[in-house]
């Protein structure tokens, strides 16, 4: 039987990761062109860098959730063999999809955080012409949030079917 405590902890971690990813999307950096006081050049001024912190937080909570599920289920391939049947087959398919969704979510969250930080902290453009104030593309953190959501659902089902297959392999019949 799947542990309700583990399922609850994983759910909370994924919920926090999803919330942070949505917050990161809403607080992406914006930029405006500003002219210096001597009117010699224009440069970009970026607003706060909160989205980077939210994105990194979402990344870490998603990693913690995936790590906990894999630790408890022994990453599907370690530990005692599971009884052949529908639960094991579904657990295997869900295990694969869980990792695919997890990797996509992590790539989106990490890439979004790095790009957002790059544009806010490390890039100021000095030019005679108005600079192109680049910002993070809209939707990167939203994509990460959606894949965190997909991973949350799939990993919960994976854990349930894995536990069912593990319990079936322990029964003497």
N, C-alpha and C. Protein backbone atom coordinates (compact mmCIF):
# COMPACT_ATOMS: atom_id res chain seq x y z
N UNK A 1 0.84 -1.18 0.00
CA UNK A 1 0.00 0.00 0.00
C UNK A 1 0.89 1.25 0.00
N UNK A 2 0.54 2.20 -0.83
CA UNK A 2 1.31 3.43 -0.92
C UNK A 2 1.18 4.22 0.37
N UNK A 3 2.27 4.80 0.81
CA UNK A 3 2.28 5.59 2.03
C UNK A 3 1.58 6.93 1.79
N UNK A 4 0.60 7.22 2.62
CA UNK A 4 -0.13 8.48 2.48
C UNK A 4 0.75 9.66 2.88
N UNK A 5 1.68 9.43 3.79
CA UNK A 5 2.58 10.51 4.20
C UNK A 5 3.50 10.90 3.06
N UNK A 6 4.07 9.90 2.39
CA UNK A 6 4.94 10.18 1.25
C UNK A 6 4.16 10.88 0.14
N UNK A 7 2.97 10.38 -0.14
CA UNK A 7 2.14 11.01 -1.17
C UNK A 7 1.81 12.46 -0.82
N UNK A 8 1.52 12.72 0.45
CA UNK A 8 1.20 14.08 0.88
C UNK A 8 2.42 14.99 0.77
N UNK A 9 3.58 14.51 1.17
CA UNK A 9 4.80 15.31 1.09
C UNK A 9 5.14 15.63 -0.36
N UNK A 10 5.05 14.63 -1.21
CA UNK A 10 5.33 14.82 -2.63
C UNK A 10 4.32 15.81 -3.24
N UNK A 11 3.06 15.68 -2.86
CA UNK A 11 2.03 16.60 -3.35
C UNK A 11 2.35 18.04 -2.93
N UNK A 12 2.71 18.23 -1.67
CA UNK A 12 3.02 19.57 -1.17
C UNK A 12 4.24 20.14 -1.88
N UNK A 13 5.29 19.34 -2.05
CA UNK A 13 6.48 19.80 -2.77
C UNK A 13 6.14 20.22 -4.20
N UNK A 14 5.35 19.40 -4.87
CA UNK A 14 4.97 19.74 -6.25
C UNK A 14 4.06 20.96 -6.30
N UNK A 15 3.19 21.09 -5.32
CA UNK A 15 2.31 22.27 -5.27
C UNK A 15 3.13 23.54 -5.07
N UNK A 16 4.12 23.48 -4.19
CA UNK A 16 5.00 24.63 -3.96
C UNK A 16 5.80 24.94 -5.23
N UNK A 17 6.33 23.90 -5.86
CA UNK A 17 7.10 24.10 -7.10
C UNK A 17 6.23 24.73 -8.18
N UNK A 18 5.00 24.25 -8.31
CA UNK A 18 4.08 24.81 -9.29
C UNK A 18 3.79 26.28 -8.98
N UNK A 19 3.51 26.57 -7.74
CA UNK A 19 3.22 27.95 -7.34
C UNK A 19 4.40 28.89 -7.58
N UNK A 20 5.58 28.43 -7.27
CA UNK A 20 6.77 29.25 -7.50
C UNK A 20 7.02 29.47 -8.99
N UNK A 21 6.78 28.44 -9.80
CA UNK A 21 6.97 28.59 -11.25
C UNK A 21 5.96 29.58 -11.83
N UNK A 22 4.72 29.53 -11.36
CA UNK A 22 3.72 30.50 -11.82
C UNK A 22 4.10 31.91 -11.38
N UNK A 23 4.56 32.03 -10.13
CA UNK A 23 5.01 33.35 -9.64
C UNK A 23 6.19 33.87 -10.45
N UNK A 24 7.10 32.98 -10.82
CA UNK A 24 8.25 33.39 -11.64
C UNK A 24 7.79 33.90 -13.00
N UNK A 25 6.79 33.23 -13.58
CA UNK A 25 6.28 33.67 -14.88
C UNK A 25 5.65 35.06 -14.76
N UNK A 26 4.94 35.30 -13.69
CA UNK A 26 4.28 36.58 -13.51
C UNK A 26 5.27 37.70 -13.18
N UNK A 27 6.42 37.36 -12.67
CA UNK A 27 7.38 38.39 -12.25
C UNK A 27 8.66 38.40 -13.09
N UNK A 28 8.50 37.95 -14.34
CA UNK A 28 9.65 38.01 -15.24
C UNK A 28 10.17 39.44 -15.32
N UNK A 29 11.44 39.57 -15.56
CA UNK A 29 12.05 40.90 -15.65
C UNK A 29 11.54 41.64 -16.87
N UNK A 30 11.39 42.93 -16.69
CA UNK A 30 11.07 43.81 -17.81
C UNK A 30 12.18 44.86 -17.89
N UNK A 31 12.28 45.49 -19.04
CA UNK A 31 13.36 46.46 -19.24
C UNK A 31 12.82 47.70 -19.93
N UNK A 32 13.53 48.79 -19.73
CA UNK A 32 13.19 50.02 -20.43
C UNK A 32 14.49 50.71 -20.83
N UNK A 33 14.41 51.44 -21.91
CA UNK A 33 15.57 52.17 -22.41
C UNK A 33 15.65 53.50 -21.67
N UNK A 34 16.83 53.81 -21.16
CA UNK A 34 17.06 55.05 -20.42
C UNK A 34 18.25 55.77 -21.06
N UNK A 35 18.17 57.09 -21.09
CA UNK A 35 19.26 57.89 -21.63
C UNK A 35 20.08 58.42 -20.45
N UNK A 36 21.39 58.43 -20.61
CA UNK A 36 22.24 58.90 -19.51
C UNK A 36 22.05 60.41 -19.31
N UNK A 37 22.58 60.91 -18.24
CA UNK A 37 22.39 62.32 -17.89
C UNK A 37 23.06 63.27 -18.87
N UNK A 38 24.12 62.84 -19.50
CA UNK A 38 24.83 63.70 -20.45
C UNK A 38 24.33 63.52 -21.88
N UNK A 39 23.31 62.72 -22.09
CA UNK A 39 22.69 62.46 -23.38
C UNK A 39 23.71 61.96 -24.41
N UNK A 40 24.59 61.07 -23.99
CA UNK A 40 25.59 60.53 -24.89
C UNK A 40 25.24 59.12 -25.35
N UNK A 41 24.53 58.40 -24.55
CA UNK A 41 24.20 57.03 -24.92
C UNK A 41 22.93 56.59 -24.21
N UNK A 42 22.35 55.54 -24.73
CA UNK A 42 21.17 54.91 -24.14
C UNK A 42 21.58 53.56 -23.55
N UNK A 43 20.88 53.14 -22.54
CA UNK A 43 21.16 51.84 -21.95
C UNK A 43 19.87 51.23 -21.40
N UNK A 44 19.93 49.97 -21.09
CA UNK A 44 18.77 49.23 -20.59
C UNK A 44 18.79 49.21 -19.07
N UNK A 45 17.63 49.43 -18.49
CA UNK A 45 17.47 49.30 -17.05
C UNK A 45 16.44 48.20 -16.82
N UNK A 46 16.85 47.18 -16.10
CA UNK A 46 15.97 46.05 -15.80
C UNK A 46 15.40 46.20 -14.41
N UNK A 47 14.17 45.72 -14.24
CA UNK A 47 13.56 45.78 -12.91
C UNK A 47 14.08 44.62 -12.06
N UNK A 48 13.43 44.33 -10.98
CA UNK A 48 13.93 43.37 -9.99
C UNK A 48 14.13 41.98 -10.56
N UNK A 49 14.83 41.18 -9.78
CA UNK A 49 15.22 39.84 -10.20
C UNK A 49 14.49 38.77 -9.39
N UNK A 50 13.26 39.02 -9.00
CA UNK A 50 12.54 38.05 -8.18
C UNK A 50 12.23 36.77 -8.92
N UNK A 51 12.00 36.84 -10.21
CA UNK A 51 11.64 35.66 -10.99
C UNK A 51 12.75 34.60 -10.95
N UNK A 52 13.98 35.03 -10.91
CA UNK A 52 15.09 34.08 -10.85
C UNK A 52 15.02 33.27 -9.56
N UNK A 53 14.80 33.93 -8.45
CA UNK A 53 14.69 33.23 -7.17
C UNK A 53 13.50 32.29 -7.13
N UNK A 54 12.38 32.73 -7.66
CA UNK A 54 11.21 31.86 -7.72
C UNK A 54 11.47 30.64 -8.61
N UNK A 55 12.13 30.87 -9.73
CA UNK A 55 12.44 29.76 -10.64
C UNK A 55 13.38 28.75 -10.01
N UNK A 56 14.40 29.23 -9.30
CA UNK A 56 15.33 28.33 -8.62
C UNK A 56 14.61 27.57 -7.50
N UNK A 57 13.73 28.26 -6.78
CA UNK A 57 12.95 27.59 -5.73
C UNK A 57 12.06 26.49 -6.31
N UNK A 58 11.40 26.78 -7.42
CA UNK A 58 10.57 25.78 -8.08
C UNK A 58 11.42 24.60 -8.53
N UNK A 59 12.59 24.89 -9.07
CA UNK A 59 13.53 23.84 -9.49
C UNK A 59 13.88 22.93 -8.31
N UNK A 60 14.23 23.52 -7.18
CA UNK A 60 14.65 22.73 -6.01
C UNK A 60 13.52 21.92 -5.41
N UNK A 61 12.33 22.49 -5.33
CA UNK A 61 11.19 21.73 -4.80
C UNK A 61 10.81 20.59 -5.73
N UNK A 62 10.91 20.80 -7.01
CA UNK A 62 10.62 19.74 -7.97
C UNK A 62 11.66 18.61 -7.87
N UNK A 63 12.92 18.99 -7.69
CA UNK A 63 13.97 17.99 -7.50
C UNK A 63 13.73 17.20 -6.22
N UNK A 64 13.36 17.88 -5.15
CA UNK A 64 13.10 17.21 -3.88
C UNK A 64 11.95 16.22 -4.01
N UNK A 65 10.91 16.61 -4.71
CA UNK A 65 9.76 15.74 -4.92
C UNK A 65 10.15 14.49 -5.71
N UNK A 66 10.86 14.69 -6.80
CA UNK A 66 11.28 13.55 -7.64
C UNK A 66 12.25 12.65 -6.86
N UNK A 67 13.15 13.24 -6.12
CA UNK A 67 14.10 12.47 -5.33
C UNK A 67 13.38 11.62 -4.29
N UNK A 68 12.40 12.19 -3.63
CA UNK A 68 11.66 11.44 -2.61
C UNK A 68 10.90 10.27 -3.22
N UNK A 69 10.23 10.49 -4.33
CA UNK A 69 9.50 9.38 -4.98
C UNK A 69 10.48 8.30 -5.42
N UNK A 70 11.61 8.68 -5.99
CA UNK A 70 12.57 7.69 -6.45
C UNK A 70 13.24 6.98 -5.28
N UNK A 71 13.45 7.67 -4.20
CA UNK A 71 14.04 7.05 -3.01
C UNK A 71 13.10 6.01 -2.41
N UNK A 72 11.87 6.36 -2.28
CA UNK A 72 10.89 5.45 -1.67
C UNK A 72 10.62 4.25 -2.58
N UNK A 73 10.59 4.47 -3.88
CA UNK A 73 10.32 3.37 -4.81
C UNK A 73 11.59 2.67 -5.30
N UNK A 74 12.71 3.05 -4.75
CA UNK A 74 14.01 2.49 -5.12
C UNK A 74 14.26 2.62 -6.63
N UNK A 75 13.82 3.72 -7.17
CA UNK A 75 14.01 4.06 -8.58
C UNK A 75 13.54 2.95 -9.52
N UNK A 76 12.53 2.25 -9.12
CA UNK A 76 11.86 1.19 -9.87
C UNK A 76 12.72 -0.03 -10.16
N UNK A 77 13.99 0.15 -10.40
CA UNK A 77 14.81 -0.97 -10.86
C UNK A 77 15.62 -1.63 -9.74
N UNK A 78 15.75 -0.99 -8.60
CA UNK A 78 16.51 -1.55 -7.50
C UNK A 78 15.55 -2.18 -6.49
N UNK A 79 16.07 -3.03 -5.68
CA UNK A 79 15.22 -3.66 -4.67
C UNK A 79 14.67 -4.98 -5.16
N UNK A 80 13.67 -5.49 -4.43
CA UNK A 80 13.07 -6.77 -4.78
C UNK A 80 12.30 -6.68 -6.09
N UNK A 81 12.29 -7.78 -6.85
CA UNK A 81 11.54 -7.76 -8.11
C UNK A 81 10.03 -7.65 -7.84
N UNK A 82 9.36 -6.99 -8.76
CA UNK A 82 7.92 -6.80 -8.64
C UNK A 82 7.20 -7.95 -9.35
N UNK A 83 6.01 -8.26 -8.85
CA UNK A 83 5.21 -9.32 -9.45
C UNK A 83 4.76 -8.87 -10.84
N UNK A 84 4.92 -9.72 -11.85
CA UNK A 84 4.46 -9.36 -13.20
C UNK A 84 2.95 -9.12 -13.20
N UNK A 85 2.55 -8.19 -13.99
CA UNK A 85 1.12 -7.89 -14.09
C UNK A 85 0.88 -6.46 -14.53
N UNK A 86 -0.38 -6.08 -14.48
CA UNK A 86 -0.79 -4.76 -14.93
C UNK A 86 -0.20 -3.64 -14.11
N UNK A 87 -0.12 -3.83 -12.79
CA UNK A 87 0.42 -2.76 -11.93
C UNK A 87 1.88 -2.49 -12.25
N UNK A 88 2.65 -3.54 -12.46
CA UNK A 88 4.07 -3.35 -12.78
C UNK A 88 4.24 -2.69 -14.15
N UNK A 89 3.44 -3.11 -15.12
CA UNK A 89 3.53 -2.52 -16.45
C UNK A 89 3.16 -1.04 -16.43
N UNK A 90 2.07 -0.72 -15.73
CA UNK A 90 1.69 0.69 -15.62
C UNK A 90 2.73 1.48 -14.84
N UNK A 91 3.29 0.90 -13.80
CA UNK A 91 4.33 1.58 -13.03
C UNK A 91 5.53 1.89 -13.92
N UNK A 92 5.91 0.95 -14.78
CA UNK A 92 7.04 1.18 -15.68
C UNK A 92 6.76 2.32 -16.65
N UNK A 93 5.60 2.32 -17.27
CA UNK A 93 5.23 3.38 -18.22
C UNK A 93 5.19 4.74 -17.51
N UNK A 94 4.57 4.76 -16.33
CA UNK A 94 4.48 6.01 -15.57
C UNK A 94 5.84 6.47 -15.07
N UNK A 95 6.73 5.53 -14.74
CA UNK A 95 8.10 5.86 -14.34
C UNK A 95 8.80 6.61 -15.47
N UNK A 96 8.67 6.10 -16.68
CA UNK A 96 9.32 6.73 -17.84
C UNK A 96 8.75 8.13 -18.08
N UNK A 97 7.42 8.23 -18.08
CA UNK A 97 6.80 9.54 -18.29
C UNK A 97 7.12 10.51 -17.16
N UNK A 98 7.22 10.00 -15.96
CA UNK A 98 7.58 10.85 -14.83
C UNK A 98 8.95 11.48 -15.05
N UNK A 99 9.89 10.70 -15.50
CA UNK A 99 11.23 11.23 -15.75
C UNK A 99 11.25 12.19 -16.94
N UNK A 100 10.48 11.89 -17.97
CA UNK A 100 10.42 12.80 -19.12
C UNK A 100 9.86 14.15 -18.71
N UNK A 101 8.72 14.13 -18.00
CA UNK A 101 8.11 15.38 -17.55
C UNK A 101 9.01 16.12 -16.58
N UNK A 102 9.67 15.38 -15.70
CA UNK A 102 10.58 15.99 -14.74
C UNK A 102 11.73 16.70 -15.45
N UNK A 103 12.34 16.03 -16.39
CA UNK A 103 13.48 16.63 -17.11
C UNK A 103 13.06 17.87 -17.89
N UNK A 104 11.91 17.81 -18.55
CA UNK A 104 11.45 18.98 -19.29
C UNK A 104 11.17 20.14 -18.34
N UNK A 105 10.52 19.85 -17.22
CA UNK A 105 10.22 20.90 -16.23
C UNK A 105 11.51 21.52 -15.70
N UNK A 106 12.48 20.69 -15.38
CA UNK A 106 13.73 21.20 -14.83
C UNK A 106 14.50 22.02 -15.85
N UNK A 107 14.49 21.60 -17.09
CA UNK A 107 15.17 22.36 -18.14
C UNK A 107 14.52 23.74 -18.30
N UNK A 108 13.19 23.77 -18.32
CA UNK A 108 12.49 25.05 -18.45
C UNK A 108 12.77 25.96 -17.26
N UNK A 109 12.69 25.41 -16.06
CA UNK A 109 12.89 26.24 -14.86
C UNK A 109 14.33 26.73 -14.75
N UNK A 110 15.28 25.85 -15.03
CA UNK A 110 16.68 26.25 -14.94
C UNK A 110 17.06 27.24 -16.03
N UNK A 111 16.63 26.95 -17.25
CA UNK A 111 16.94 27.87 -18.36
C UNK A 111 16.28 29.22 -18.14
N UNK A 112 15.05 29.22 -17.67
CA UNK A 112 14.36 30.48 -17.40
C UNK A 112 15.05 31.28 -16.31
N UNK A 113 15.49 30.60 -15.27
CA UNK A 113 16.18 31.29 -14.17
C UNK A 113 17.51 31.88 -14.62
N UNK A 114 18.25 31.10 -15.38
CA UNK A 114 19.55 31.57 -15.86
C UNK A 114 19.38 32.75 -16.81
N UNK A 115 18.46 32.64 -17.76
CA UNK A 115 18.24 33.73 -18.71
C UNK A 115 17.73 34.98 -18.02
N UNK A 116 16.82 34.80 -17.07
CA UNK A 116 16.29 35.96 -16.35
C UNK A 116 17.39 36.65 -15.55
N UNK A 117 18.22 35.87 -14.89
CA UNK A 117 19.33 36.45 -14.12
C UNK A 117 20.33 37.13 -15.04
N UNK A 118 20.59 36.54 -16.18
CA UNK A 118 21.53 37.11 -17.13
C UNK A 118 21.06 38.49 -17.59
N UNK A 119 19.79 38.61 -17.88
CA UNK A 119 19.28 39.87 -18.39
C UNK A 119 19.16 40.93 -17.30
N UNK A 120 18.98 40.53 -16.05
CA UNK A 120 18.80 41.54 -15.02
C UNK A 120 20.11 41.91 -14.34
N UNK A 121 21.00 40.98 -14.16
CA UNK A 121 22.20 41.26 -13.40
C UNK A 121 23.43 41.53 -14.26
N UNK A 122 23.54 40.83 -15.34
CA UNK A 122 24.80 40.82 -16.04
C UNK A 122 24.79 41.51 -17.39
N UNK A 123 23.71 42.14 -17.74
CA UNK A 123 23.68 42.71 -19.08
C UNK A 123 23.17 44.14 -19.05
N UNK A 124 24.00 45.04 -19.37
CA UNK A 124 23.61 46.42 -19.60
C UNK A 124 24.29 46.82 -20.90
N UNK A 125 23.52 47.34 -21.82
CA UNK A 125 24.05 47.60 -23.15
C UNK A 125 24.26 49.09 -23.34
N UNK A 126 25.45 49.47 -23.75
CA UNK A 126 25.77 50.87 -24.03
C UNK A 126 25.95 51.02 -25.53
N UNK A 127 25.12 51.86 -26.14
CA UNK A 127 25.19 52.04 -27.58
C UNK A 127 24.76 53.46 -27.94
N UNK A 128 25.09 53.87 -29.14
CA UNK A 128 24.60 55.16 -29.62
C UNK A 128 23.14 55.06 -30.04
N UNK A 129 22.78 53.94 -30.63
CA UNK A 129 21.39 53.71 -31.03
C UNK A 129 20.62 53.16 -29.84
N UNK A 130 19.30 53.26 -29.84
CA UNK A 130 18.55 52.65 -28.74
C UNK A 130 18.83 51.14 -28.69
N UNK A 131 19.20 50.65 -27.54
CA UNK A 131 19.54 49.22 -27.44
C UNK A 131 18.29 48.35 -27.48
N UNK A 132 18.51 47.11 -27.84
CA UNK A 132 17.44 46.11 -27.81
C UNK A 132 17.47 45.49 -26.42
N UNK A 133 16.57 45.90 -25.57
CA UNK A 133 16.55 45.43 -24.19
C UNK A 133 15.91 44.04 -24.14
N UNK A 134 16.72 43.04 -24.24
CA UNK A 134 16.21 41.67 -24.26
C UNK A 134 15.76 41.24 -22.88
N UNK A 135 14.67 40.51 -22.85
CA UNK A 135 14.18 39.91 -21.62
C UNK A 135 13.86 38.45 -21.89
N UNK A 136 13.60 37.74 -20.83
CA UNK A 136 13.24 36.33 -20.96
C UNK A 136 11.94 36.21 -21.74
N UNK A 137 11.91 35.28 -22.63
CA UNK A 137 10.74 35.05 -23.46
C UNK A 137 9.54 34.64 -22.59
N UNK A 138 8.39 35.16 -22.91
CA UNK A 138 7.19 34.85 -22.15
C UNK A 138 6.83 33.37 -22.33
N UNK A 139 6.51 32.71 -21.24
CA UNK A 139 6.06 31.33 -21.30
C UNK A 139 7.06 30.29 -20.87
N UNK A 140 8.30 30.66 -20.63
CA UNK A 140 9.32 29.67 -20.24
C UNK A 140 9.00 29.11 -18.86
N UNK A 141 8.73 29.99 -17.91
CA UNK A 141 8.38 29.52 -16.57
C UNK A 141 7.00 28.85 -16.58
N UNK A 142 6.10 29.32 -17.43
CA UNK A 142 4.77 28.70 -17.52
C UNK A 142 4.88 27.27 -18.05
N UNK A 143 5.77 27.05 -19.00
CA UNK A 143 5.99 25.69 -19.49
C UNK A 143 6.56 24.82 -18.37
N UNK A 144 7.50 25.38 -17.61
CA UNK A 144 8.04 24.64 -16.47
C UNK A 144 6.95 24.30 -15.47
N UNK A 145 6.06 25.26 -15.20
CA UNK A 145 4.95 25.02 -14.26
C UNK A 145 4.03 23.92 -14.77
N UNK A 146 3.73 23.94 -16.05
CA UNK A 146 2.83 22.91 -16.58
C UNK A 146 3.46 21.53 -16.51
N UNK A 147 4.75 21.43 -16.77
CA UNK A 147 5.39 20.12 -16.68
C UNK A 147 5.61 19.68 -15.24
N UNK A 148 5.74 20.63 -14.31
CA UNK A 148 5.75 20.27 -12.89
C UNK A 148 4.39 19.67 -12.53
N UNK A 149 3.32 20.28 -13.03
CA UNK A 149 1.97 19.77 -12.79
C UNK A 149 1.79 18.37 -13.38
N UNK A 150 2.21 18.17 -14.63
CA UNK A 150 2.11 16.85 -15.26
C UNK A 150 2.92 15.82 -14.47
N UNK A 151 4.12 16.21 -14.06
CA UNK A 151 4.97 15.30 -13.31
C UNK A 151 4.35 14.96 -11.96
N UNK A 152 3.69 15.92 -11.34
CA UNK A 152 3.04 15.67 -10.05
C UNK A 152 1.98 14.59 -10.19
N UNK A 153 1.18 14.69 -11.22
CA UNK A 153 0.11 13.71 -11.43
C UNK A 153 0.70 12.35 -11.76
N UNK A 154 1.62 12.31 -12.71
CA UNK A 154 2.19 11.04 -13.16
C UNK A 154 2.99 10.38 -12.05
N UNK A 155 3.75 11.14 -11.27
CA UNK A 155 4.56 10.54 -10.21
C UNK A 155 3.69 9.97 -9.09
N UNK A 156 2.55 10.61 -8.81
CA UNK A 156 1.63 10.06 -7.80
C UNK A 156 1.05 8.73 -8.28
N UNK A 157 0.63 8.68 -9.54
CA UNK A 157 0.12 7.41 -10.08
C UNK A 157 1.22 6.36 -10.15
N UNK A 158 2.42 6.77 -10.53
CA UNK A 158 3.56 5.83 -10.55
C UNK A 158 3.76 5.22 -9.17
N UNK A 159 3.78 6.06 -8.15
CA UNK A 159 4.00 5.56 -6.79
C UNK A 159 2.88 4.62 -6.36
N UNK A 160 1.64 4.94 -6.72
CA UNK A 160 0.52 4.08 -6.37
C UNK A 160 0.66 2.71 -7.05
N UNK A 161 0.91 2.69 -8.35
CA UNK A 161 1.01 1.42 -9.06
C UNK A 161 2.27 0.65 -8.67
N UNK A 162 3.36 1.36 -8.39
CA UNK A 162 4.56 0.69 -7.91
C UNK A 162 4.27 0.01 -6.57
N UNK A 163 3.60 0.72 -5.67
CA UNK A 163 3.27 0.15 -4.37
C UNK A 163 2.34 -1.04 -4.50
N UNK A 164 1.40 -0.96 -5.44
CA UNK A 164 0.49 -2.09 -5.67
C UNK A 164 1.26 -3.30 -6.17
N UNK A 165 2.18 -3.08 -7.09
CA UNK A 165 2.99 -4.20 -7.61
C UNK A 165 3.92 -4.74 -6.54
N UNK A 166 4.46 -3.88 -5.69
CA UNK A 166 5.36 -4.32 -4.62
C UNK A 166 4.58 -5.12 -3.57
N UNK A 167 3.36 -4.67 -3.25
CA UNK A 167 2.54 -5.41 -2.29
C UNK A 167 2.12 -6.76 -2.85
N UNK A 168 1.84 -6.84 -4.15
CA UNK A 168 1.47 -8.10 -4.77
C UNK A 168 2.62 -9.09 -4.77
N UNK A 169 3.85 -8.58 -4.87
CA UNK A 169 5.01 -9.48 -4.88
C UNK A 169 5.30 -10.02 -3.49
N UNK A 170 4.79 -9.39 -2.45
CA UNK A 170 5.00 -9.85 -1.08
C UNK A 170 3.98 -10.89 -0.65
N UNK A 171 2.83 -10.92 -1.31
CA UNK A 171 1.81 -11.88 -0.89
C UNK A 171 2.24 -13.30 -1.24
N UNK A 172 1.86 -14.28 -0.40
CA UNK A 172 2.29 -15.64 -0.67
C UNK A 172 1.47 -16.31 -1.76
N UNK A 173 0.42 -15.72 -2.24
CA UNK A 173 -0.44 -16.38 -3.25
C UNK A 173 -0.21 -15.88 -4.60
